Amino acid sequence: MHHKDLEAWKLSMSLVVKIYNLTTSLPDFERYGLASQICRAAVSIPSNIAEGCGRNSDKDTVRFLDIALGSSAELETQLLLLEALGYADTKELQQELDKIIVLIYGLKRYLKQKTT
């Protein structure tokens, strides 16, 4: 399977662009703090999907999908923090992230069934 064909990868790439655009509106003093962390977490999601698909086994792919899910949880926390700090309304981004998480879990289930 090629990562560019996966809906989870496509949506997470789109989300990264939106996250980067959002972080440009954050206060300057957040540039190396929260903004940097949010961008790293967002980039980690499609990156780990891609890396997992580039591995030689479904077991390795599942492991990288787990890492992508961890980054998703991290990003979700940071989006909630942006809301709590009054920096941005992130509800739409959170909904997009929820869709990505569901797709990653579905892909994991598919790969695990394939190996049993």
PDB file of N, CA and C in Angstrom:
ATOM      1  N   MET A   1       0.841  -1.171   0.000  1.00  0.00           N
ATOM      2  CA  MET A   1       0.000   0.000   0.000  1.00  0.00           C
ATOM      3  C   MET A   1       0.890   1.239   0.000  1.00  0.00           C
ATOM      4  N   HIS A   2       0.490   2.226  -0.754  1.00  0.00           N
ATOM      5  CA  HIS A   2       1.266   3.458  -0.853  1.00  0.00           C
ATOM      6  C   HIS A   2       0.585   4.538  -0.012  1.00  0.00           C
ATOM      7  N   HIS A   3       1.380   5.236   0.772  1.00  0.00           N
ATOM      8  CA  HIS A   3       0.814   6.210   1.700  1.00  0.00           C
ATOM      9  C   HIS A   3       0.032   7.325   1.000  1.00  0.00           C
ATOM     10  N   LYS A   4       0.432   7.698  -0.201  1.00  0.00           N
ATOM     11  CA  LYS A   4      -0.253   8.781  -0.906  1.00  0.00           C
ATOM     12  C   LYS A   4      -1.669   8.400  -1.325  1.00  0.00           C
ATOM     13  N   ASP A   5      -1.972   7.100  -1.306  1.00  0.00           N
ATOM     14  CA  ASP A   5      -3.313   6.627  -1.657  1.00  0.00           C
ATOM     15  C   ASP A   5      -4.250   6.582  -0.453  1.00  0.00           C
ATOM     16  N   LEU A   6      -3.712   6.743   0.731  1.00  0.00           N
ATOM     17  CA  LEU A   6      -4.513   6.611   1.952  1.00  0.00           C
ATOM     18  C   LEU A   6      -5.210   7.917   2.309  1.00  0.00           C
ATOM     19  N   GLU A   7      -6.499   7.813   2.575  1.00  0.00           N
ATOM     20  CA  GLU A   7      -7.281   8.993   2.957  1.00  0.00           C
ATOM     21  C   GLU A   7      -6.755   9.617   4.248  1.00  0.00           C
ATOM     22  N   ALA A   8      -6.305   8.794   5.179  1.00  0.00           N
ATOM     23  CA  ALA A   8      -5.759   9.310   6.439  1.00  0.00           C
ATOM     24  C   ALA A   8      -4.533  10.187   6.176  1.00  0.00           C
ATOM     25  N   TRP A   9      -3.693   9.776   5.244  1.00  0.00           N
ATOM     26  CA  TRP A   9      -2.505  10.564   4.908  1.00  0.00           C
ATOM     27  C   TRP A   9      -2.908  11.868   4.214  1.00  0.00           C
ATOM     28  N   LYS A  10      -3.836  11.779   3.256  1.00  0.00           N
ATOM     29  CA  LYS A  10      -4.272  12.970   2.520  1.00  0.00           C
ATOM     30  C   LYS A  10      -4.885  14.006   3.464  1.00  0.00           C
ATOM     31  N   LEU A  11      -5.784  13.548   4.331  1.00  0.00           N
ATOM     32  CA  LEU A  11      -6.440  14.472   5.261  1.00  0.00           C
ATOM     33  C   LEU A  11      -5.452  15.050   6.263  1.00  0.00           C
ATOM     34  N   SER A  12      -4.517  14.235   6.708  1.00  0.00           N
ATOM     35  CA  SER A  12      -3.549  14.744   7.686  1.00  0.00           C
ATOM     36  C   SER A  12      -2.591  15.741   7.039  1.00  0.00           C
ATOM     37  N   MET A  13      -2.283  15.566   5.763  1.00  0.00           N
ATOM     38  CA  MET A  13      -1.460  16.552   5.048  1.00  0.00           C
ATOM     39  C   MET A  13      -2.212  17.884   4.950  1.00  0.00           C
ATOM     40  N   SER A  14      -3.485  17.812   4.643  1.00  0.00           N
ATOM     41  CA  SER A  14      -4.305  19.018   4.573  1.00  0.00           C
ATOM     42  C   SER A  14      -4.382  19.708   5.936  1.00  0.00           C
ATOM     43  N   LEU A  15      -4.504  18.903   6.985  1.00  0.00           N
ATOM     44  CA  LEU A  15      -4.556  19.454   8.335  1.00  0.00           C
ATOM     45  C   LEU A  15      -3.254  20.162   8.695  1.00  0.00           C
ATOM     46  N   VAL A  16      -2.137  19.614   8.289  1.00  0.00           N
ATOM     47  CA  VAL A  16      -0.837  20.244   8.567  1.00  0.00           C
ATOM     48  C   VAL A  16      -0.806  21.655   7.978  1.00  0.00           C
ATOM     49  N   VAL A  17      -1.267  21.802   6.753  1.00  0.00           N
ATOM     50  CA  VAL A  17      -1.274  23.119   6.109  1.00  0.00           C
ATOM     51  C   VAL A  17      -2.138  24.090   6.918  1.00  0.00           C
ATOM     52  N   LYS A  18      -3.295  23.624   7.349  1.00  0.00           N
ATOM     53  CA  LYS A  18      -4.186  24.482   8.143  1.00  0.00           C
ATOM     54  C   LYS A  18      -3.556  24.845   9.488  1.00  0.00           C
ATOM     55  N   ILE A  19      -2.869  23.894  10.081  1.00  0.00           N
ATOM     56  CA  ILE A  19      -2.198  24.156  11.362  1.00  0.00           C
ATOM     57  C   ILE A  19      -1.106  25.209  11.173  1.00  0.00           C
ATOM     58  N   TYR A  20      -0.313  25.064  10.128  1.00  0.00           N
ATOM     59  CA  TYR A  20       0.743  26.051   9.863  1.00  0.00           C
ATOM     60  C   TYR A  20       0.147  27.439   9.647  1.00  0.00           C
ATOM     61  N   ASN A  21      -0.949  27.510   8.894  1.00  0.00           N
ATOM     62  CA  ASN A  21      -1.608  28.798   8.680  1.00  0.00           C
ATOM     63  C   ASN A  21      -2.128  29.377   9.983  1.00  0.00           C
ATOM     64  N   LEU A  22      -2.672  28.540  10.831  1.00  0.00           N
ATOM     65  CA  LEU A  22      -3.178  28.988  12.134  1.00  0.00           C
ATOM     66  C   LEU A  22      -2.057  29.541  13.008  1.00  0.00           C
ATOM     67  N   THR A  23      -0.929  28.859  13.015  1.00  0.00           N
ATOM     68  CA  THR A  23       0.147  29.277  13.920  1.00  0.00           C
ATOM     69  C   THR A  23       0.750  30.626  13.533  1.00  0.00           C
ATOM     70  N   THR A  24       0.565  31.055  12.284  1.00  0.00           N
ATOM     71  CA  THR A  24       1.077  32.372  11.900  1.00  0.00           C
ATOM     72  C   THR A  24       0.314  33.494  12.600  1.00  0.00           C
ATOM     73  N   SER A  25      -0.883  33.185  13.092  1.00  0.00           N
ATOM     74  CA  SER A  25      -1.681  34.212  13.770  1.00  0.00           C
ATOM     75  C   SER A  25      -1.439  34.239  15.287  1.00  0.00           C
ATOM     76  N   LEU A  26      -0.618  33.327  15.772  1.00  0.00           N
ATOM     77  CA  LEU A  26      -0.338  33.302  17.212  1.00  0.00           C
ATOM     78  C   LEU A  26       0.612  34.440  17.584  1.00  0.00           C
ATOM     79  N   PRO A  27       0.586  34.846  18.849  1.00  0.00           N
ATOM     80  CA  PRO A  27       1.514  35.902  19.285  1.00  0.00           C
ATOM     81  C   PRO A  27       2.970  35.496  19.029  1.00  0.00           C
ATOM     82  N   ASP A  28       3.796  36.501  18.760  1.00  0.00           N
ATOM     83  CA  ASP A  28       5.212  36.250  18.461  1.00  0.00           C
ATOM     84  C   ASP A  28       5.914  35.442  19.547  1.00  0.00           C
ATOM     85  N   PHE A  29       5.563  35.698  20.803  1.00  0.00           N
ATOM     86  CA  PHE A  29       6.262  34.982  21.873  1.00  0.00           C
ATOM     87  C   PHE A  29       5.937  33.496  21.901  1.00  0.00           C
ATOM     88  N   GLU A  30       4.919  33.069  21.143  1.00  0.00           N
ATOM     89  CA  GLU A  30       4.577  31.640  21.060  1.00  0.00           C
ATOM     90  C   GLU A  30       5.287  30.948  19.897  1.00  0.00           C
ATOM     91  N   ARG A  31       6.004  31.710  19.073  1.00  0.00           N
ATOM     92  CA  ARG A  31       6.626  31.152  17.870  1.00  0.00           C
ATOM     93  C   ARG A  31       7.508  29.944  18.175  1.00  0.00           C
ATOM     94  N   TYR A  32       8.302  30.031  19.253  1.00  0.00           N
ATOM     95  CA  TYR A  32       9.223  28.932  19.584  1.00  0.00           C
ATOM     96  C   TYR A  32       8.684  28.056  20.699  1.00  0.00           C
ATOM     97  N   GLY A  33       7.482  28.330  21.129  1.00  0.00           N
ATOM     98  CA  GLY A  33       6.859  27.528  22.171  1.00  0.00           C
ATOM     99  C   GLY A  33       5.732  26.696  21.595  1.00  0.00           C
ATOM    100  N   LEU A  34       4.539  27.124  21.866  1.00  0.00           N
ATOM    101  CA  LEU A  34       3.347  26.374  21.476  1.00  0.00           C
ATOM    102  C   LEU A  34       3.234  26.202  19.961  1.00  0.00           C
ATOM    103  N   ALA A  35       3.507  27.242  19.203  1.00  0.00           N
ATOM    104  CA  ALA A  35       3.388  27.148  17.739  1.00  0.00           C
ATOM    105  C   ALA A  35       4.316  26.073  17.180  1.00  0.00           C
ATOM    106  N   SER A  36       5.529  26.062  17.663  1.00  0.00           N
ATOM    107  CA  SER A  36       6.503  25.077  17.203  1.00  0.00           C
ATOM    108  C   SER A  36       6.054  23.656  17.556  1.00  0.00           C
ATOM    109  N   GLN A  37       5.568  23.489  18.768  1.00  0.00           N
ATOM    110  CA  GLN A  37       5.131  22.150  19.200  1.00  0.00           C
ATOM    111  C   GLN A  37       3.923  21.664  18.425  1.00  0.00           C
ATOM    112  N   ILE A  38       2.981  22.562  18.155  1.00  0.00           N
ATOM    113  CA  ILE A  38       1.779  22.197  17.403  1.00  0.00           C
ATOM    114  C   ILE A  38       2.165  21.763  15.987  1.00  0.00           C
ATOM    115  N   CYS A  39       3.052  22.511  15.372  1.00  0.00           N
ATOM    116  CA  CYS A  39       3.485  22.158  14.013  1.00  0.00           C
ATOM    117  C   CYS A  39       4.193  20.810  13.989  1.00  0.00           C
ATOM    118  N   ARG A  40       5.062  20.569  14.966  1.00  0.00           N
ATOM    119  CA  ARG A  40       5.776  19.281  15.006  1.00  0.00           C
ATOM    120  C   ARG A  40       4.803  18.119  15.186  1.00  0.00           C
ATOM    121  N   ALA A  41       3.827  18.273  16.078  1.00  0.00           N
ATOM    122  CA  ALA A  41       2.856  17.198  16.299  1.00  0.00           C
ATOM    123  C   ALA A  41       2.034  16.950  15.037  1.00  0.00           C
ATOM    124  N   ALA A  42       1.618  18.025  14.377  1.00  0.00           N
ATOM    125  CA  ALA A  42       0.815  17.886  13.160  1.00  0.00           C
ATOM    126  C   ALA A  42       1.604  17.195  12.050  1.00  0.00           C
ATOM    127  N   VAL A  43       2.841  17.603  11.845  1.00  0.00           N
ATOM    128  CA  VAL A  43       3.683  17.013  10.800  1.00  0.00           C
ATOM    129  C   VAL A  43       3.962  15.543  11.090  1.00  0.00           C
ATOM    130  N   SER A  44       4.035  15.197  12.340  1.00  0.00           N
ATOM    131  CA  SER A  44       4.339  13.822  12.740  1.00  0.00           C
ATOM    132  C   SER A  44       3.268  12.826  12.289  1.00  0.00           C
ATOM    133  N   ILE A  45       2.033  13.279  12.172  1.00  0.00           N
ATOM    134  CA  ILE A  45       0.938  12.361  11.818  1.00  0.00           C
ATOM    135  C   ILE A  45       1.117  11.807  10.400  1.00  0.00           C
ATOM    136  N   PRO A  46       1.132  12.641   9.352  1.00  0.00           N
ATOM    137  CA  PRO A  46       1.316  12.058   8.013  1.00  0.00           C
ATOM    138  C   PRO A  46       2.709  11.462   7.817  1.00  0.00           C
ATOM    139  N   SER A  47       3.684  12.008   8.526  1.00  0.00           N
ATOM    140  CA  SER A  47       5.050  11.472   8.398  1.00  0.00           C
ATOM    141  C   SER A  47       5.121  10.031   8.886  1.00  0.00           C
ATOM    142  N   ASN A  48       4.488   9.749  10.006  1.00  0.00           N
ATOM    143  CA  ASN A  48       4.512   8.384  10.537  1.00  0.00           C
ATOM    144  C   ASN A  48       3.638   7.435   9.738  1.00  0.00           C
ATOM    145  N   ILE A  49       2.546   7.939   9.177  1.00  0.00           N
ATOM    146  CA  ILE A  49       1.756   7.101   8.266  1.00  0.00           C
ATOM    147  C   ILE A  49       2.622   6.707   7.075  1.00  0.00           C
ATOM    148  N   ALA A  50       3.327   7.680   6.512  1.00  0.00           N
ATOM    149  CA  ALA A  50       4.191   7.417   5.357  1.00  0.00           C
ATOM    150  C   ALA A  50       5.323   6.463   5.723  1.00  0.00           C
ATOM    151  N   GLU A  51       5.964   6.710   6.858  1.00  0.00           N
ATOM    152  CA  GLU A  51       7.078   5.842   7.246  1.00  0.00           C
ATOM    153  C   GLU A  51       6.607   4.412   7.482  1.00  0.00           C
ATOM    154  N   GLY A  52       5.455   4.272   8.116  1.00  0.00           N
ATOM    155  CA  GLY A  52       4.919   2.930   8.342  1.00  0.00           C
ATOM    156  C   GLY A  52       4.646   2.195   7.045  1.00  0.00           C
ATOM    157  N   CYS A  53       4.086   2.917   6.070  1.00  0.00           N
ATOM    158  CA  CYS A  53       3.800   2.290   4.773  1.00  0.00           C
ATOM    159  C   CYS A  53       5.070   1.941   4.023  1.00  0.00           C
ATOM    160  N   GLY A  54       6.152   2.609   4.356  1.00  0.00           N
ATOM    161  CA  GLY A  54       7.428   2.326   3.704  1.00  0.00           C
ATOM    162  C   GLY A  54       8.171   1.152   4.323  1.00  0.00           C
ATOM    163  N   ARG A  55       7.632   0.596   5.371  1.00  0.00           N
ATOM    164  CA  ARG A  55       8.273  -0.545   6.035  1.00  0.00           C
ATOM    165  C   ARG A  55       7.912  -1.846   5.339  1.00  0.00           C
ATOM    166  N   ASN A  56       8.630  -2.894   5.697  1.00  0.00           N
ATOM    167  CA  ASN A  56       8.464  -4.173   5.009  1.00  0.00           C
ATOM    168  C   ASN A  56       7.403  -5.085   5.592  1.00  0.00           C
ATOM    169  N   SER A  57       6.779  -4.682   6.684  1.00  0.00           N
ATOM    170  CA  SER A  57       5.794  -5.588   7.272  1.00  0.00           C
ATOM    171  C   SER A  57       4.603  -4.807   7.814  1.00  0.00           C
ATOM    172  N   ASP A  58       3.474  -5.491   7.849  1.00  0.00           N
ATOM    173  CA  ASP A  58       2.269  -4.888   8.412  1.00  0.00           C
ATOM    174  C   ASP A  58       2.461  -4.579   9.895  1.00  0.00           C
ATOM    175  N   LYS A  59       3.224  -5.425  10.582  1.00  0.00           N
ATOM    176  CA  LYS A  59       3.482  -5.203  12.006  1.00  0.00           C
ATOM    177  C   LYS A  59       4.223  -3.878  12.219  1.00  0.00           C
ATOM    178  N   ASP A  60       5.216  -3.602  11.383  1.00  0.00           N
ATOM    179  CA  ASP A  60       5.929  -2.327  11.467  1.00  0.00           C
ATOM    180  C   ASP A  60       5.001  -1.164  11.137  1.00  0.00           C
ATOM    181  N   THR A  61       4.167  -1.354  10.114  1.00  0.00           N
ATOM    182  CA  THR A  61       3.230  -0.299   9.736  1.00  0.00           C
ATOM    183  C   THR A  61       2.307   0.033  10.894  1.00  0.00           C
ATOM    184  N   VAL A  62       1.786  -0.986  11.568  1.00  0.00           N
ATOM    185  CA  VAL A  62       0.900  -0.775  12.718  1.00  0.00           C
ATOM    186  C   VAL A  62       1.631  -0.001  13.816  1.00  0.00           C
ATOM    187  N   ARG A  63       2.896  -0.310  14.026  1.00  0.00           N
ATOM    188  CA  ARG A  63       3.669   0.389  15.057  1.00  0.00           C
ATOM    189  C   ARG A  63       3.764   1.881  14.734  1.00  0.00           C
ATOM    190  N   PHE A  64       3.994   2.221  13.471  1.00  0.00           N
ATOM    191  CA  PHE A  64       4.078   3.635  13.096  1.00  0.00           C
ATOM    192  C   PHE A  64       2.702   4.301  13.107  1.00  0.00           C
ATOM    193  N   LEU A  65       1.659   3.547  12.835  1.00  0.00           N
ATOM    194  CA  LEU A  65       0.310   4.097  12.966  1.00  0.00           C
ATOM    195  C   LEU A  65       0.016   4.425  14.430  1.00  0.00           C
ATOM    196  N   ASP A  66       0.530   3.598  15.347  1.00  0.00           N
ATOM    197  CA  ASP A  66       0.395   3.895  16.778  1.00  0.00           C
ATOM    198  C   ASP A  66       1.105   5.203  17.135  1.00  0.00           C
ATOM    199  N   ILE A  67       2.254   5.420  16.541  1.00  0.00           N
ATOM    200  CA  ILE A  67       2.978   6.674  16.789  1.00  0.00           C
ATOM    201  C   ILE A  67       2.169   7.853  16.242  1.00  0.00           C
ATOM    202  N   ALA A  68       1.569   7.678  15.063  1.00  0.00           N
ATOM    203  CA  ALA A  68       0.720   8.728  14.486  1.00  0.00           C
ATOM    204  C   ALA A  68      -0.464   9.024  15.399  1.00  0.00           C
ATOM    205  N   LEU A  69      -1.019   7.988  16.018  1.00  0.00           N
ATOM    206  CA  LEU A  69      -2.123   8.191  16.960  1.00  0.00           C
ATOM    207  C   LEU A  69      -1.653   8.948  18.199  1.00  0.00           C
ATOM    208  N   GLY A  70      -0.450   8.655  18.652  1.00  0.00           N
ATOM    209  CA  GLY A  70       0.110   9.394  19.783  1.00  0.00           C
ATOM    210  C   GLY A  70       0.281  10.866  19.442  1.00  0.00           C
ATOM    211  N   SER A  71       0.768  11.142  18.255  1.00  0.00           N
ATOM    212  CA  SER A  71       0.917  12.524  17.806  1.00  0.00           C
ATOM    213  C   SER A  71      -0.447  13.196  17.658  1.00  0.00           C
ATOM    214  N   SER A  72      -1.449  12.427  17.263  1.00  0.00           N
ATOM    215  CA  SER A  72      -2.811  12.958  17.162  1.00  0.00           C
ATOM    216  C   SER A  72      -3.328  13.391  18.524  1.00  0.00           C
ATOM    217  N   ALA A  73      -3.070  12.582  19.537  1.00  0.00           N
ATOM    218  CA  ALA A  73      -3.492  12.930  20.900  1.00  0.00           C
ATOM    219  C   ALA A  73      -2.754  14.175  21.387  1.00  0.00           C
ATOM    220  N   GLU A  74      -1.486  14.265  21.049  1.00  0.00           N
ATOM    221  CA  GLU A  74      -0.692  15.434  21.411  1.00  0.00           C
ATOM    222  C   GLU A  74      -1.260  16.679  20.730  1.00  0.00           C
ATOM    223  N   LEU A  75      -1.565  16.580  19.436  1.00  0.00           N
ATOM    224  CA  LEU A  75      -2.109  17.713  18.695  1.00  0.00           C
ATOM    225  C   LEU A  75      -3.473  18.114  19.245  1.00  0.00           C
ATOM    226  N   GLU A  76      -4.292  17.137  19.565  1.00  0.00           N
ATOM    227  CA  GLU A  76      -5.605  17.429  20.134  1.00  0.00           C
ATOM    228  C   GLU A  76      -5.462  18.242  21.425  1.00  0.00           C
ATOM    229  N   THR A  77      -4.540  17.842  22.272  1.00  0.00           N
ATOM    230  CA  THR A  77      -4.288  18.554  23.523  1.00  0.00           C
ATOM    231  C   THR A  77      -3.855  19.986  23.251  1.00  0.00           C
ATOM    232  N   GLN A  78      -2.991  20.171  22.283  1.00  0.00           N
ATOM    233  CA  GLN A  78      -2.490  21.508  21.963  1.00  0.00           C
ATOM    234  C   GLN A  78      -3.582  22.387  21.357  1.00  0.00           C
ATOM    235  N   LEU A  79      -4.460  21.802  20.552  1.00  0.00           N
ATOM    236  CA  LEU A  79      -5.582  22.563  20.009  1.00  0.00           C
ATOM    237  C   LEU A  79      -6.530  23.002  21.130  1.00  0.00           C
ATOM    238  N   LEU A  80      -6.766  22.112  22.081  1.00  0.00           N
ATOM    239  CA  LEU A  80      -7.598  22.473  23.233  1.00  0.00           C
ATOM    240  C   LEU A  80      -6.944  23.587  24.045  1.00  0.00           C
ATOM    241  N   LEU A  81      -5.635  23.552  24.135  1.00  0.00           N
ATOM    242  CA  LEU A  81      -4.907  24.597  24.851  1.00  0.00           C
ATOM    243  C   LEU A  81      -5.029  25.944  24.128  1.00  0.00           C
ATOM    244  N   LEU A  82      -4.957  25.928  22.802  1.00  0.00           N
ATOM    245  CA  LEU A  82      -5.156  27.163  22.041  1.00  0.00           C
ATOM    246  C   LEU A  82      -6.516  27.778  22.354  1.00  0.00           C
ATOM    247  N   GLU A  83      -7.526  26.908  22.442  1.00  0.00           N
ATOM    248  CA  GLU A  83      -8.874  27.374  22.784  1.00  0.00           C
ATOM    249  C   GLU A  83      -8.898  27.955  24.193  1.00  0.00           C
ATOM    250  N   ALA A  84      -8.325  27.228  25.130  1.00  0.00           N
ATOM    251  CA  ALA A  84      -8.338  27.658  26.537  1.00  0.00           C
ATOM    252  C   ALA A  84      -7.616  28.991  26.721  1.00  0.00           C
ATOM    253  N   LEU A  85      -6.581  29.214  25.942  1.00  0.00           N
ATOM    254  CA  LEU A  85      -5.822  30.462  26.027  1.00  0.00           C
ATOM    255  C   LEU A  85      -6.484  31.600  25.242  1.00  0.00           C
ATOM    256  N   GLY A  86      -7.541  31.265  24.508  1.00  0.00           N
ATOM    257  CA  GLY A  86      -8.254  32.283  23.734  1.00  0.00           C
ATOM    258  C   GLY A  86      -7.565  32.694  22.456  1.00  0.00           C
ATOM    259  N   TYR A  87      -6.637  31.874  21.978  1.00  0.00           N
ATOM    260  CA  TYR A  87      -5.899  32.201  20.762  1.00  0.00           C
ATOM    261  C   TYR A  87      -6.687  31.901  19.486  1.00  0.00           C
ATOM    262  N   ALA A  88      -7.526  30.875  19.509  1.00  0.00           N
ATOM    263  CA  ALA A  88      -8.211  30.461  18.281  1.00  0.00           C
ATOM    264  C   ALA A  88      -9.374  29.544  18.597  1.00  0.00           C
ATOM    265  N   ASP A  89     -10.338  29.533  17.689  1.00  0.00           N
ATOM    266  CA  ASP A  89     -11.417  28.552  17.727  1.00  0.00           C
ATOM    267  C   ASP A  89     -10.933  27.361  16.895  1.00  0.00           C
ATOM    268  N   THR A  90     -10.714  26.253  17.535  1.00  0.00           N
ATOM    269  CA  THR A  90     -10.118  25.102  16.844  1.00  0.00           C
ATOM    270  C   THR A  90     -11.102  23.947  16.656  1.00  0.00           C
ATOM    271  N   LYS A  91     -12.382  24.204  16.833  1.00  0.00           N
ATOM    272  CA  LYS A  91     -13.372  23.118  16.751  1.00  0.00           C
ATOM    273  C   LYS A  91     -13.350  22.404  15.396  1.00  0.00           C
ATOM    274  N   GLU A  92     -13.262  23.164  14.301  1.00  0.00           N
ATOM    275  CA  GLU A  92     -13.214  22.531  12.972  1.00  0.00           C
ATOM    276  C   GLU A  92     -11.968  21.674  12.806  1.00  0.00           C
ATOM    277  N   LEU A  93     -10.839  22.176  13.287  1.00  0.00           N
ATOM    278  CA  LEU A  93      -9.600  21.404  13.207  1.00  0.00           C
ATOM    279  C   LEU A  93      -9.708  20.143  14.054  1.00  0.00           C
ATOM    280  N   GLN A  94     -10.330  20.248  15.211  1.00  0.00           N
ATOM    281  CA  GLN A  94     -10.509  19.076  16.064  1.00  0.00           C
ATOM    282  C   GLN A  94     -11.399  18.042  15.382  1.00  0.00           C
ATOM    283  N   GLN A  95     -12.429  18.501  14.674  1.00  0.00           N
ATOM    284  CA  GLN A  95     -13.299  17.569  13.942  1.00  0.00           C
ATOM    285  C   GLN A  95     -12.531  16.866  12.826  1.00  0.00           C
ATOM    286  N   GLU A  96     -11.693  17.610  12.128  1.00  0.00           N
ATOM    287  CA  GLU A  96     -10.869  17.000  11.084  1.00  0.00           C
ATOM    288  C   GLU A  96      -9.909  15.984  11.683  1.00  0.00           C
ATOM    289  N   LEU A  97      -9.330  16.331  12.808  1.00  0.00           N
ATOM    290  CA  LEU A  97      -8.412  15.417  13.487  1.00  0.00           C
ATOM    291  C   LEU A  97      -9.146  14.151  13.926  1.00  0.00           C
ATOM    292  N   ASP A  98     -10.375  14.307  14.410  1.00  0.00           N
ATOM    293  CA  ASP A  98     -11.178  13.137  14.803  1.00  0.00           C
ATOM    294  C   ASP A  98     -11.385  12.185  13.623  1.00  0.00           C
ATOM    295  N   LYS A  99     -11.655  12.729  12.435  1.00  0.00           N
ATOM    296  CA  LYS A  99     -11.824  11.899  11.236  1.00  0.00           C
ATOM    297  C   LYS A  99     -10.537  11.138  10.918  1.00  0.00           C
ATOM    298  N   ILE A 100      -9.422  11.833  11.046  1.00  0.00           N
ATOM    299  CA  ILE A 100      -8.119  11.213  10.768  1.00  0.00           C
ATOM    300  C   ILE A 100      -7.867  10.071  11.747  1.00  0.00           C
ATOM    301  N   ILE A 101      -8.162  10.296  13.002  1.00  0.00           N
ATOM    302  CA  ILE A 101      -7.969   9.269  14.029  1.00  0.00           C
ATOM    303  C   ILE A 101      -8.810   8.032  13.712  1.00  0.00           C
ATOM    304  N   VAL A 102     -10.061   8.236  13.330  1.00  0.00           N
ATOM    305  CA  VAL A 102     -10.939   7.111  12.967  1.00  0.00           C
ATOM    306  C   VAL A 102     -10.347   6.335  11.792  1.00  0.00           C
ATOM    307  N   LEU A 103      -9.844   7.046  10.800  1.00  0.00           N
ATOM    308  CA  LEU A 103      -9.243   6.379   9.632  1.00  0.00           C
ATOM    309  C   LEU A 103      -7.992   5.591  10.011  1.00  0.00           C
ATOM    310  N   ILE A 104      -7.179   6.144  10.885  1.00  0.00           N
ATOM    311  CA  ILE A 104      -5.969   5.431  11.311  1.00  0.00           C
ATOM    312  C   ILE A 104      -6.344   4.162  12.071  1.00  0.00           C
ATOM    313  N   TYR A 105      -7.321   4.260  12.960  1.00  0.00           N
ATOM    314  CA  TYR A 105      -7.770   3.062  13.672  1.00  0.00           C
ATOM    315  C   TYR A 105      -8.314   2.013  12.707  1.00  0.00           C
ATOM    316  N   GLY A 106      -9.044   2.457  11.692  1.00  0.00           N
ATOM    317  CA  GLY A 106      -9.566   1.523  10.688  1.00  0.00           C
ATOM    318  C   GLY A 106      -8.442   0.841   9.924  1.00  0.00           C
ATOM    319  N   LEU A 107      -7.433   1.596   9.577  1.00  0.00           N
ATOM    320  CA  LEU A 107      -6.280   1.023   8.872  1.00  0.00           C
ATOM    321  C   LEU A 107      -5.559   0.013   9.756  1.00  0.00           C
ATOM    322  N   LYS A 108      -5.403   0.341  11.028  1.00  0.00           N
ATOM    323  CA  LYS A 108      -4.766  -0.597  11.962  1.00  0.00           C
ATOM    324  C   LYS A 108      -5.561  -1.901  12.047  1.00  0.00           C
ATOM    325  N   ARG A 109      -6.884  -1.774  12.164  1.00  0.00           N
ATOM    326  CA  ARG A 109      -7.745  -2.972  12.239  1.00  0.00           C
ATOM    327  C   ARG A 109      -7.583  -3.826  10.989  1.00  0.00           C
ATOM    328  N   TYR A 110      -7.588  -3.177   9.827  1.00  0.00           N
ATOM    329  CA  TYR A 110      -7.432  -3.890   8.568  1.00  0.00           C
ATOM    330  C   TYR A 110      -6.102  -4.647   8.528  1.00  0.00           C
ATOM    331  N   LEU A 111      -5.034  -3.983   8.903  1.00  0.00           N
ATOM    332  CA  LEU A 111      -3.704  -4.619   8.861  1.00  0.00           C
ATOM    333  C   LEU A 111      -3.600  -5.753   9.869  1.00  0.00           C
ATOM    334  N   LYS A 112      -4.181  -5.595  11.026  1.00  0.00           N
ATOM    335  CA  LYS A 112      -4.138  -6.657  12.032  1.00  0.00           C
ATOM    336  C   LYS A 112      -4.939  -7.875  11.588  1.00  0.00           C
ATOM    337  N   GLN A 113      -6.086  -7.659  10.934  1.00  0.00           N
ATOM    338  CA  GLN A 113      -6.886  -8.763  10.431  1.00  0.00           C
ATOM    339  C   GLN A 113      -6.176  -9.494   9.308  1.00  0.00           C
ATOM    340  N   LYS A 114      -5.454  -8.739   8.527  1.00  0.00           N
ATOM    341  CA  LYS A 114      -4.710  -9.311   7.403  1.00  0.00           C
ATOM    342  C   LYS A 114      -3.644 -10.298   7.867  1.00  0.00           C
ATOM    343  N   THR A 115      -3.084 -10.035   9.050  1.00  0.00           N
ATOM    344  CA  THR A 115      -1.996 -10.867   9.539  1.00  0.00           C
ATOM    345  C   THR A 115      -2.472 -12.059  10.368  1.00  0.00           C
ATOM    346  N   THR A 116      -3.783 -12.096  10.653  1.00  0.00           N
ATOM    347  CA  THR A 116      -4.282 -13.234  11.461  1.00  0.00           C
ATOM    348  C   THR A 116      -4.925 -14.293  10.617  1.00  0.00           C
TER     349      THR A 116
END
